Every structure is written in structure tokens, then in C-alpha cells.
Amino acid sequence: MEAVIRLIRILEEQSTVIKDIIAVTEAEIKAIALSDQGGILDGIAKQDQLTSVLVGLEKKRHAMQQVLEKELSLPEDCKLNELSKFLPAEFKNAVTALSKRLEREVSLLLMLQSRLYILLQRALTMEETVARILSRACLREGHSPLGRQLGINQSV
């Protein structure tokens, strides 16, 4: 049952990466709240890297699960929690616990990323509103908003 041991290791690695993504998402939320552009960009880069690692681990998990399905003569593409029902007793509890832990961590991650998305939407809406207000103010004063963007001095 070496395949089960490798599957457990992959699941533990996935859990670690998901926890790292959660931490990065929390940092991004704080960076947005503080208007920390560097923190936001850093968070985006870290999240891209961690997501790439997670995708690679998911491919490994899926391949290992297929090996187990063949070894145990199970139908293809079993869900992880279904697979644990067919494992030997010494591995059943570990895989079940990891599966449940991953579900909780992914739920938390989805909630945080939803909050992050809402904050980003609000920030974009605020930015658009400020841009419109400034544009209208420039037009009322007789200045071209485009001229200001190009650095044209209209006071002469």
C-alpha cells in the first residue's frame, strides 16, 4: 500500500499549500484595506506561484488516486471521501481526516477570496467614481482632463 502512503503525503502537501494561500489572501485583504499597492502586487505574485504548485499537486493526487482505484478494483474517478471507505483500516482514518481538513480549508479559502473579490470591486468602483468627479471638476473649470494627463500647462 505504498500508493496510499504517497497519496497521504500529497494530501498533506496540498493542505500546507492551501494554508499558505489562505495566509496570502488574508495579507492581500489587509493590503487593500491599507491601500498598500506593493502588498497587493506581492500577494498577487505569491498567490499565482502557490496556485501553480497546488495545480501540480492536484495532478499528482489524481494520478495517485487512479493507481489506487486500479489496485482496489474501484470505479474510475471516485471522490476522495468515497475512496477512503475502501482503504485498509490503518489508512482509512488518516485519509478521511485529511479529506475533511482539506474541505474545511478550501471552504475558508473560498470565503476569503470572495471577500477579497468584493473589496477589489469596491476599490475599482471608488476609483472610477473619483476619476469621474475629477474629470467633471476639470471640465467645469475649463481644463481638459486629457491635457492634464499629458502634462500640458494651460495657465499660459
N, C-alpha and C. Protein backbone atom coordinates (compact mmCIF):
# COMPACT_ATOMS: atom_id res chain seq x y z
N MET A 1 0.81 -1.20 0.00
CA MET A 1 0.00 0.00 0.00
C MET A 1 0.86 1.27 0.00
N GLU A 2 1.94 1.20 -0.72
CA GLU A 2 2.81 2.36 -0.84
C GLU A 2 2.08 3.52 -1.53
N ALA A 3 1.15 3.20 -2.41
CA ALA A 3 0.38 4.23 -3.11
C ALA A 3 -0.47 5.04 -2.12
N VAL A 4 -0.99 4.39 -1.09
CA VAL A 4 -1.79 5.09 -0.09
C VAL A 4 -0.91 6.06 0.70
N ILE A 5 0.29 5.62 1.05
CA ILE A 5 1.22 6.48 1.78
C ILE A 5 1.59 7.70 0.94
N ARG A 6 1.83 7.48 -0.35
CA ARG A 6 2.15 8.62 -1.22
C ARG A 6 0.95 9.55 -1.36
N LEU A 7 -0.25 8.98 -1.43
CA LEU A 7 -1.46 9.81 -1.50
C LEU A 7 -1.60 10.66 -0.25
N ILE A 8 -1.35 10.08 0.90
CA ILE A 8 -1.44 10.83 2.16
C ILE A 8 -0.42 11.97 2.17
N ARG A 9 0.78 11.72 1.70
CA ARG A 9 1.80 12.79 1.64
C ARG A 9 1.36 13.92 0.72
N ILE A 10 0.79 13.55 -0.43
CA ILE A 10 0.31 14.57 -1.38
C ILE A 10 -0.80 15.40 -0.74
N LEU A 11 -1.72 14.73 -0.04
CA LEU A 11 -2.83 15.45 0.61
C LEU A 11 -2.29 16.39 1.69
N GLU A 12 -1.27 15.97 2.42
CA GLU A 12 -0.66 16.84 3.44
C GLU A 12 0.02 18.04 2.79
N GLU A 13 0.68 17.82 1.65
CA GLU A 13 1.31 18.94 0.92
C GLU A 13 0.24 19.91 0.42
N GLN A 14 -0.87 19.36 -0.09
CA GLN A 14 -1.95 20.22 -0.55
C GLN A 14 -2.48 21.07 0.59
N SER A 15 -2.65 20.46 1.75
CA SER A 15 -3.14 21.19 2.90
C SER A 15 -2.20 22.34 3.27
N THR A 16 -0.91 22.08 3.23
CA THR A 16 0.08 23.12 3.54
C THR A 16 0.00 24.27 2.54
N VAL A 17 -0.11 23.94 1.26
CA VAL A 17 -0.18 24.98 0.23
C VAL A 17 -1.47 25.78 0.37
N ILE A 18 -2.56 25.12 0.67
CA ILE A 18 -3.83 25.84 0.86
C ILE A 18 -3.73 26.78 2.05
N LYS A 19 -3.10 26.33 3.13
CA LYS A 19 -2.91 27.22 4.30
C LYS A 19 -2.06 28.43 3.91
N ASP A 20 -1.05 28.21 3.08
CA ASP A 20 -0.22 29.32 2.61
C ASP A 20 -1.04 30.29 1.76
N ILE A 21 -1.90 29.76 0.90
CA ILE A 21 -2.76 30.62 0.07
C ILE A 21 -3.71 31.40 0.96
N ILE A 22 -4.23 30.77 1.99
CA ILE A 22 -5.11 31.47 2.94
C ILE A 22 -4.36 32.65 3.58
N ALA A 23 -3.14 32.40 4.02
CA ALA A 23 -2.34 33.47 4.64
C ALA A 23 -2.09 34.61 3.66
N VAL A 24 -1.78 34.27 2.41
CA VAL A 24 -1.54 35.30 1.39
C VAL A 24 -2.82 36.08 1.12
N THR A 25 -3.95 35.39 1.05
CA THR A 25 -5.23 36.07 0.82
C THR A 25 -5.55 37.02 1.96
N GLU A 26 -5.32 36.58 3.19
CA GLU A 26 -5.54 37.47 4.34
C GLU A 26 -4.63 38.70 4.26
N ALA A 27 -3.38 38.50 3.85
CA ALA A 27 -2.45 39.63 3.70
C ALA A 27 -2.91 40.57 2.59
N GLU A 28 -3.45 40.01 1.51
CA GLU A 28 -3.96 40.85 0.42
C GLU A 28 -5.14 41.69 0.89
N ILE A 29 -6.01 41.11 1.68
CA ILE A 29 -7.17 41.85 2.21
C ILE A 29 -6.68 43.02 3.07
N LYS A 30 -5.68 42.76 3.92
CA LYS A 30 -5.11 43.84 4.74
C LYS A 30 -4.45 44.90 3.87
N ALA A 31 -3.75 44.46 2.83
CA ALA A 31 -3.08 45.41 1.93
C ALA A 31 -4.09 46.30 1.23
N ILE A 32 -5.20 45.73 0.82
CA ILE A 32 -6.25 46.53 0.18
C ILE A 32 -6.82 47.53 1.18
N ALA A 33 -7.08 47.07 2.40
CA ALA A 33 -7.63 47.97 3.42
C ALA A 33 -6.67 49.12 3.74
N LEU A 34 -5.37 48.87 3.62
CA LEU A 34 -4.37 49.90 3.91
C LEU A 34 -3.91 50.65 2.66
N SER A 35 -4.49 50.31 1.51
CA SER A 35 -4.10 50.89 0.22
C SER A 35 -2.61 50.69 -0.05
N ASP A 36 -2.12 49.52 0.30
CA ASP A 36 -0.72 49.17 0.13
C ASP A 36 -0.53 48.47 -1.22
N GLN A 37 -0.22 49.26 -2.24
CA GLN A 37 -0.10 48.72 -3.59
C GLN A 37 1.00 47.66 -3.69
N GLY A 38 2.12 47.88 -3.02
CA GLY A 38 3.21 46.90 -3.02
C GLY A 38 2.76 45.58 -2.41
N GLY A 39 2.02 45.66 -1.32
CA GLY A 39 1.50 44.46 -0.66
C GLY A 39 0.52 43.71 -1.54
N ILE A 40 -0.29 44.47 -2.27
CA ILE A 40 -1.26 43.85 -3.18
C ILE A 40 -0.53 43.12 -4.29
N LEU A 41 0.43 43.79 -4.90
CA LEU A 41 1.18 43.17 -6.01
C LEU A 41 1.98 41.96 -5.53
N ASP A 42 2.55 42.06 -4.33
CA ASP A 42 3.29 40.93 -3.76
C ASP A 42 2.34 39.75 -3.53
N GLY A 43 1.16 40.04 -3.01
CA GLY A 43 0.17 39.00 -2.76
C GLY A 43 -0.26 38.31 -4.05
N ILE A 44 -0.45 39.09 -5.08
CA ILE A 44 -0.85 38.53 -6.38
C ILE A 44 0.23 37.58 -6.90
N ALA A 45 1.48 38.01 -6.81
CA ALA A 45 2.59 37.17 -7.28
C ALA A 45 2.69 35.87 -6.47
N LYS A 46 2.59 36.00 -5.15
CA LYS A 46 2.66 34.81 -4.29
C LYS A 46 1.50 33.87 -4.57
N GLN A 47 0.32 34.44 -4.74
CA GLN A 47 -0.85 33.61 -4.97
C GLN A 47 -0.75 32.87 -6.31
N ASP A 48 -0.22 33.54 -7.32
CA ASP A 48 -0.01 32.87 -8.61
C ASP A 48 0.95 31.70 -8.46
N GLN A 49 2.04 31.92 -7.74
CA GLN A 49 3.03 30.85 -7.54
C GLN A 49 2.42 29.68 -6.77
N LEU A 50 1.73 29.97 -5.68
CA LEU A 50 1.13 28.91 -4.86
C LEU A 50 0.03 28.17 -5.61
N THR A 51 -0.73 28.88 -6.42
CA THR A 51 -1.77 28.23 -7.20
C THR A 51 -1.16 27.27 -8.20
N SER A 52 -0.05 27.65 -8.78
CA SER A 52 0.66 26.78 -9.71
C SER A 52 1.12 25.50 -9.00
N VAL A 53 1.66 25.65 -7.80
CA VAL A 53 2.09 24.49 -7.00
C VAL A 53 0.90 23.60 -6.68
N LEU A 54 -0.22 24.23 -6.31
CA LEU A 54 -1.43 23.47 -5.96
C LEU A 54 -1.96 22.69 -7.16
N VAL A 55 -1.92 23.28 -8.33
CA VAL A 55 -2.37 22.59 -9.55
C VAL A 55 -1.49 21.37 -9.80
N GLY A 56 -0.19 21.51 -9.64
CA GLY A 56 0.72 20.38 -9.81
C GLY A 56 0.44 19.27 -8.81
N LEU A 57 0.18 19.64 -7.56
CA LEU A 57 -0.14 18.64 -6.55
C LEU A 57 -1.47 17.95 -6.84
N GLU A 58 -2.41 18.70 -7.36
CA GLU A 58 -3.71 18.10 -7.69
C GLU A 58 -3.57 17.08 -8.81
N LYS A 59 -2.71 17.37 -9.77
CA LYS A 59 -2.44 16.40 -10.84
C LYS A 59 -1.81 15.13 -10.27
N LYS A 60 -0.86 15.30 -9.34
CA LYS A 60 -0.23 14.14 -8.70
C LYS A 60 -1.26 13.34 -7.89
N ARG A 61 -2.10 14.06 -7.16
CA ARG A 61 -3.14 13.39 -6.36
C ARG A 61 -4.07 12.58 -7.24
N HIS A 62 -4.48 13.18 -8.33
CA HIS A 62 -5.39 12.50 -9.24
C HIS A 62 -4.73 11.24 -9.82
N ALA A 63 -3.47 11.35 -10.22
CA ALA A 63 -2.75 10.20 -10.77
C ALA A 63 -2.60 9.10 -9.72
N MET A 64 -2.27 9.49 -8.48
CA MET A 64 -2.12 8.51 -7.41
C MET A 64 -3.46 7.86 -7.08
N GLN A 65 -4.50 8.64 -7.14
CA GLN A 65 -5.83 8.09 -6.86
C GLN A 65 -6.23 7.08 -7.95
N GLN A 66 -5.86 7.35 -9.18
CA GLN A 66 -6.14 6.39 -10.25
C GLN A 66 -5.40 5.08 -10.03
N VAL A 67 -4.17 5.16 -9.55
CA VAL A 67 -3.40 3.95 -9.24
C VAL A 67 -4.13 3.14 -8.16
N LEU A 68 -4.61 3.83 -7.13
CA LEU A 68 -5.34 3.15 -6.05
C LEU A 68 -6.65 2.55 -6.56
N GLU A 69 -7.33 3.26 -7.42
CA GLU A 69 -8.58 2.73 -7.97
C GLU A 69 -8.33 1.43 -8.72
N LYS A 70 -7.24 1.36 -9.46
CA LYS A 70 -6.90 0.14 -10.18
C LYS A 70 -6.51 -0.97 -9.21
N GLU A 71 -5.68 -0.63 -8.21
CA GLU A 71 -5.25 -1.63 -7.23
C GLU A 71 -6.42 -2.22 -6.46
N LEU A 72 -7.39 -1.37 -6.14
CA LEU A 72 -8.52 -1.81 -5.33
C LEU A 72 -9.74 -2.20 -6.18
N SER A 73 -9.59 -2.18 -7.50
CA SER A 73 -10.67 -2.51 -8.44
C SER A 73 -11.93 -1.67 -8.18
N LEU A 74 -11.72 -0.36 -8.10
CA LEU A 74 -12.82 0.57 -7.86
C LEU A 74 -13.21 1.25 -9.17
N PRO A 75 -14.41 1.81 -9.22
CA PRO A 75 -14.77 2.58 -10.42
C PRO A 75 -13.86 3.79 -10.55
N GLU A 76 -13.66 4.23 -11.79
CA GLU A 76 -12.78 5.38 -12.03
C GLU A 76 -13.37 6.66 -11.47
N ASP A 77 -12.49 7.58 -11.13
CA ASP A 77 -12.83 8.91 -10.64
C ASP A 77 -13.71 8.91 -9.40
N CYS A 78 -13.37 8.06 -8.44
CA CYS A 78 -14.05 8.09 -7.14
C CYS A 78 -13.72 9.42 -6.46
N LYS A 79 -14.64 9.88 -5.66
CA LYS A 79 -14.33 11.05 -4.84
C LYS A 79 -13.43 10.59 -3.71
N LEU A 80 -12.63 11.52 -3.20
CA LEU A 80 -11.66 11.18 -2.18
C LEU A 80 -12.33 10.57 -0.95
N ASN A 81 -13.45 11.15 -0.52
CA ASN A 81 -14.12 10.61 0.67
C ASN A 81 -14.72 9.22 0.39
N GLU A 82 -15.07 8.92 -0.86
CA GLU A 82 -15.55 7.58 -1.21
C GLU A 82 -14.40 6.58 -1.24
N LEU A 83 -13.25 7.03 -1.70
CA LEU A 83 -12.07 6.17 -1.79
C LEU A 83 -11.65 5.66 -0.41
N SER A 84 -11.74 6.53 0.58
CA SER A 84 -11.29 6.15 1.92
C SER A 84 -12.11 4.98 2.49
N LYS A 85 -13.32 4.79 2.03
CA LYS A 85 -14.16 3.68 2.51
C LYS A 85 -13.57 2.32 2.13
N PHE A 86 -12.79 2.30 1.07
CA PHE A 86 -12.26 1.04 0.55
C PHE A 86 -10.81 0.77 0.96
N LEU A 87 -10.24 1.68 1.71
CA LEU A 87 -8.84 1.54 2.12
C LEU A 87 -8.72 0.63 3.34
N PRO A 88 -7.56 0.04 3.52
CA PRO A 88 -7.32 -0.75 4.73
C PRO A 88 -7.49 0.13 5.98
N ALA A 89 -7.87 -0.49 7.07
CA ALA A 89 -8.20 0.24 8.30
C ALA A 89 -7.09 1.17 8.77
N GLU A 90 -5.82 0.75 8.62
CA GLU A 90 -4.73 1.59 9.13
C GLU A 90 -4.58 2.90 8.37
N PHE A 91 -5.14 3.00 7.16
CA PHE A 91 -5.05 4.22 6.36
C PHE A 91 -6.37 4.97 6.28
N LYS A 92 -7.43 4.28 6.56
CA LYS A 92 -8.78 4.85 6.38
C LYS A 92 -8.96 6.15 7.17
N ASN A 93 -8.62 6.12 8.46
CA ASN A 93 -8.81 7.30 9.31
C ASN A 93 -7.96 8.48 8.87
N ALA A 94 -6.73 8.21 8.47
CA ALA A 94 -5.83 9.29 8.06
C ALA A 94 -6.35 9.98 6.80
N VAL A 95 -6.77 9.20 5.82
CA VAL A 95 -7.27 9.77 4.57
C VAL A 95 -8.59 10.51 4.81
N THR A 96 -9.45 9.94 5.64
CA THR A 96 -10.73 10.60 5.95
C THR A 96 -10.49 11.93 6.66
N ALA A 97 -9.59 11.93 7.63
CA ALA A 97 -9.28 13.17 8.37
C ALA A 97 -8.67 14.22 7.44
N LEU A 98 -7.77 13.81 6.58
CA LEU A 98 -7.16 14.76 5.64
C LEU A 98 -8.20 15.31 4.67
N SER A 99 -9.07 14.45 4.21
CA SER A 99 -10.12 14.88 3.28
C SER A 99 -11.02 15.93 3.93
N LYS A 100 -11.42 15.68 5.17
CA LYS A 100 -12.28 16.65 5.87
C LYS A 100 -11.53 17.95 6.14
N ARG A 101 -10.25 17.84 6.50
CA ARG A 101 -9.45 19.04 6.76
C ARG A 101 -9.32 19.88 5.48
N LEU A 102 -9.07 19.21 4.37
CA LEU A 102 -8.97 19.92 3.09
C LEU A 102 -10.29 20.61 2.74
N GLU A 103 -11.40 19.95 3.00
CA GLU A 103 -12.71 20.56 2.73
C GLU A 103 -12.89 21.84 3.54
N ARG A 104 -12.53 21.79 4.83
CA ARG A 104 -12.65 22.99 5.69
C ARG A 104 -11.73 24.11 5.21
N GLU A 105 -10.49 23.74 4.87
CA GLU A 105 -9.53 24.75 4.43
C GLU A 105 -9.95 25.38 3.11
N VAL A 106 -10.46 24.57 2.19
CA VAL A 106 -10.91 25.11 0.91
C VAL A 106 -12.13 26.00 1.11
N SER A 107 -13.03 25.62 2.02
CA SER A 107 -14.19 26.47 2.31
C SER A 107 -13.76 27.83 2.85
N LEU A 108 -12.80 27.81 3.78
CA LEU A 108 -12.28 29.07 4.33
C LEU A 108 -11.62 29.90 3.23
N LEU A 109 -10.83 29.24 2.39
CA LEU A 109 -10.17 29.94 1.29
C LEU A 109 -11.18 30.58 0.35
N LEU A 110 -12.22 29.85 0.00
CA LEU A 110 -13.25 30.40 -0.89
C LEU A 110 -13.95 31.60 -0.25
N MET A 111 -14.20 31.53 1.05
CA MET A 111 -14.84 32.65 1.74
C MET A 111 -13.93 33.88 1.71
N LEU A 112 -12.64 33.67 2.00
CA LEU A 112 -11.69 34.79 1.99
C LEU A 112 -11.51 35.37 0.60
N GLN A 113 -11.45 34.51 -0.41
CA GLN A 113 -11.28 35.02 -1.77
C GLN A 113 -12.54 35.74 -2.24
N SER A 114 -13.69 35.32 -1.76
CA SER A 114 -14.92 36.04 -2.07
C SER A 114 -14.88 37.43 -1.45
N ARG A 115 -14.42 37.51 -0.21
CA ARG A 115 -14.28 38.81 0.47
C ARG A 115 -13.27 39.69 -0.27
N LEU A 116 -12.17 39.09 -0.71
CA LEU A 116 -11.16 39.81 -1.47
C LEU A 116 -11.75 40.35 -2.77
N TYR A 117 -12.53 39.54 -3.45
CA TYR A 117 -13.17 39.96 -4.70
C TYR A 117 -14.10 41.16 -4.46
N ILE A 118 -14.87 41.09 -3.39
CA ILE A 118 -15.80 42.20 -3.07
C ILE A 118 -15.01 43.47 -2.77
N LEU A 119 -13.92 43.35 -2.02
CA LEU A 119 -13.09 44.53 -1.74
C LEU A 119 -12.49 45.12 -3.00
N LEU A 120 -12.04 44.26 -3.90
CA LEU A 120 -11.49 44.74 -5.17
C LEU A 120 -12.56 45.43 -6.00
N GLN A 121 -13.76 44.88 -6.01
CA GLN A 121 -14.86 45.53 -6.73
C GLN A 121 -15.14 46.91 -6.16
N ARG A 122 -15.19 47.00 -4.84
CA ARG A 122 -15.45 48.29 -4.19
C ARG A 122 -14.34 49.29 -4.50
N ALA A 123 -13.10 48.83 -4.47
CA ALA A 123 -11.97 49.72 -4.76
C ALA A 123 -12.04 50.23 -6.19
N LEU A 124 -12.37 49.35 -7.13
CA LEU A 124 -12.50 49.78 -8.53
C LEU A 124 -13.65 50.76 -8.71
N THR A 125 -14.75 50.51 -8.05
CA THR A 125 -15.89 51.42 -8.13
C THR A 125 -15.52 52.79 -7.57
N MET A 126 -14.82 52.78 -6.44
CA MET A 126 -14.39 54.04 -5.84
C MET A 126 -13.44 54.78 -6.77
N GLU A 127 -12.51 54.06 -7.36
CA GLU A 127 -11.54 54.68 -8.27
C GLU A 127 -12.25 55.30 -9.47
N GLU A 128 -13.22 54.58 -10.03
CA GLU A 128 -13.98 55.11 -11.17
C GLU A 128 -14.76 56.35 -10.76
N THR A 129 -15.35 56.33 -9.57
CA THR A 129 -16.12 57.47 -9.09
C THR A 129 -15.23 58.69 -8.91
N VAL A 130 -14.08 58.51 -8.31
CA VAL A 130 -13.14 59.62 -8.11
C VAL A 130 -12.67 60.16 -9.46
N ALA A 131 -12.40 59.28 -10.41
CA ALA A 131 -11.97 59.72 -11.74
C ALA A 131 -13.06 60.55 -12.41
N ARG A 132 -14.31 60.13 -12.30
CA ARG A 132 -15.42 60.89 -12.89
C ARG A 132 -15.57 62.26 -12.23
N ILE A 133 -15.47 62.29 -10.90
CA ILE A 133 -15.60 63.56 -10.17
C ILE A 133 -14.49 64.51 -10.58
N LEU A 134 -13.25 64.03 -10.66
CA LEU A 134 -12.14 64.87 -11.07
C LEU A 134 -12.29 65.33 -12.52
N SER A 135 -12.77 64.46 -13.36
CA SER A 135 -12.98 64.81 -14.77
C SER A 135 -14.03 65.92 -14.89
N ARG A 136 -15.12 65.80 -14.16
CA ARG A 136 -16.18 66.82 -14.20
C ARG A 136 -15.67 68.14 -13.66
N ALA A 137 -14.89 68.05 -12.58
CA ALA A 137 -14.35 69.28 -11.98
C ALA A 137 -13.42 69.98 -12.96
N CYS A 138 -12.63 69.22 -13.69
CA CYS A 138 -11.72 69.82 -14.68
C CYS A 138 -12.51 70.46 -15.81
N LEU A 139 -13.58 69.82 -16.25
CA LEU A 139 -14.40 70.37 -17.33
C LEU A 139 -15.09 71.66 -16.90
N ARG A 140 -15.56 71.71 -15.65
CA ARG A 140 -16.22 72.91 -15.14
C ARG A 140 -15.26 74.09 -15.07
N GLU A 141 -14.00 73.80 -14.77
CA GLU A 141 -13.00 74.86 -14.67
C GLU A 141 -12.44 75.23 -16.03
N GLY A 142 -12.87 74.54 -17.07
CA GLY A 142 -12.40 74.85 -18.40
C GLY A 142 -11.11 74.18 -18.78
N HIS A 143 -10.69 73.23 -17.99
CA HIS A 143 -9.46 72.48 -18.30
C HIS A 143 -9.83 71.16 -18.96
N SER A 144 -9.00 70.77 -19.84
CA SER A 144 -9.19 69.48 -20.48
C SER A 144 -8.56 68.41 -19.61
N PRO A 145 -9.32 67.39 -19.22
CA PRO A 145 -8.72 66.33 -18.41
C PRO A 145 -7.58 65.64 -19.16
N LEU A 146 -7.70 65.58 -20.48
CA LEU A 146 -6.66 64.94 -21.28
C LEU A 146 -5.39 65.78 -21.23
N GLY A 147 -5.55 67.10 -21.27
CA GLY A 147 -4.40 67.98 -21.21
C GLY A 147 -3.61 67.81 -19.93
N ARG A 148 -4.30 67.62 -18.83
CA ARG A 148 -3.61 67.39 -17.54
C ARG A 148 -2.86 66.08 -17.55
N GLN A 149 -3.46 65.05 -18.15
CA GLN A 149 -2.79 63.75 -18.18
C GLN A 149 -1.52 63.84 -19.02
N LEU A 150 -1.54 64.67 -20.04
CA LEU A 150 -0.37 64.78 -20.91
C LEU A 150 0.64 65.77 -20.37
N GLY A 151 0.30 66.45 -19.28
CA GLY A 151 1.24 67.39 -18.68
C GLY A 151 1.25 68.73 -19.36
N ILE A 152 0.18 69.10 -20.04
CA ILE A 152 0.11 70.36 -20.76
C ILE A 152 -0.25 71.47 -19.75
N ASN A 153 0.52 72.50 -19.72
CA ASN A 153 0.29 73.62 -18.85
C ASN A 153 -0.66 74.58 -19.55
N GLN A 154 -1.90 74.69 -19.06
CA GLN A 154 -2.90 75.53 -19.71
C GLN A 154 -2.99 76.91 -19.06
N SER A 155 -2.11 77.25 -18.15
CA SER A 155 -2.18 78.53 -17.47
C SER A 155 -1.57 79.65 -18.27
N VAL A 156 -0.88 79.36 -19.36
CA VAL A 156 -0.21 80.40 -20.15
C VAL A 156 -1.18 81.12 -21.04
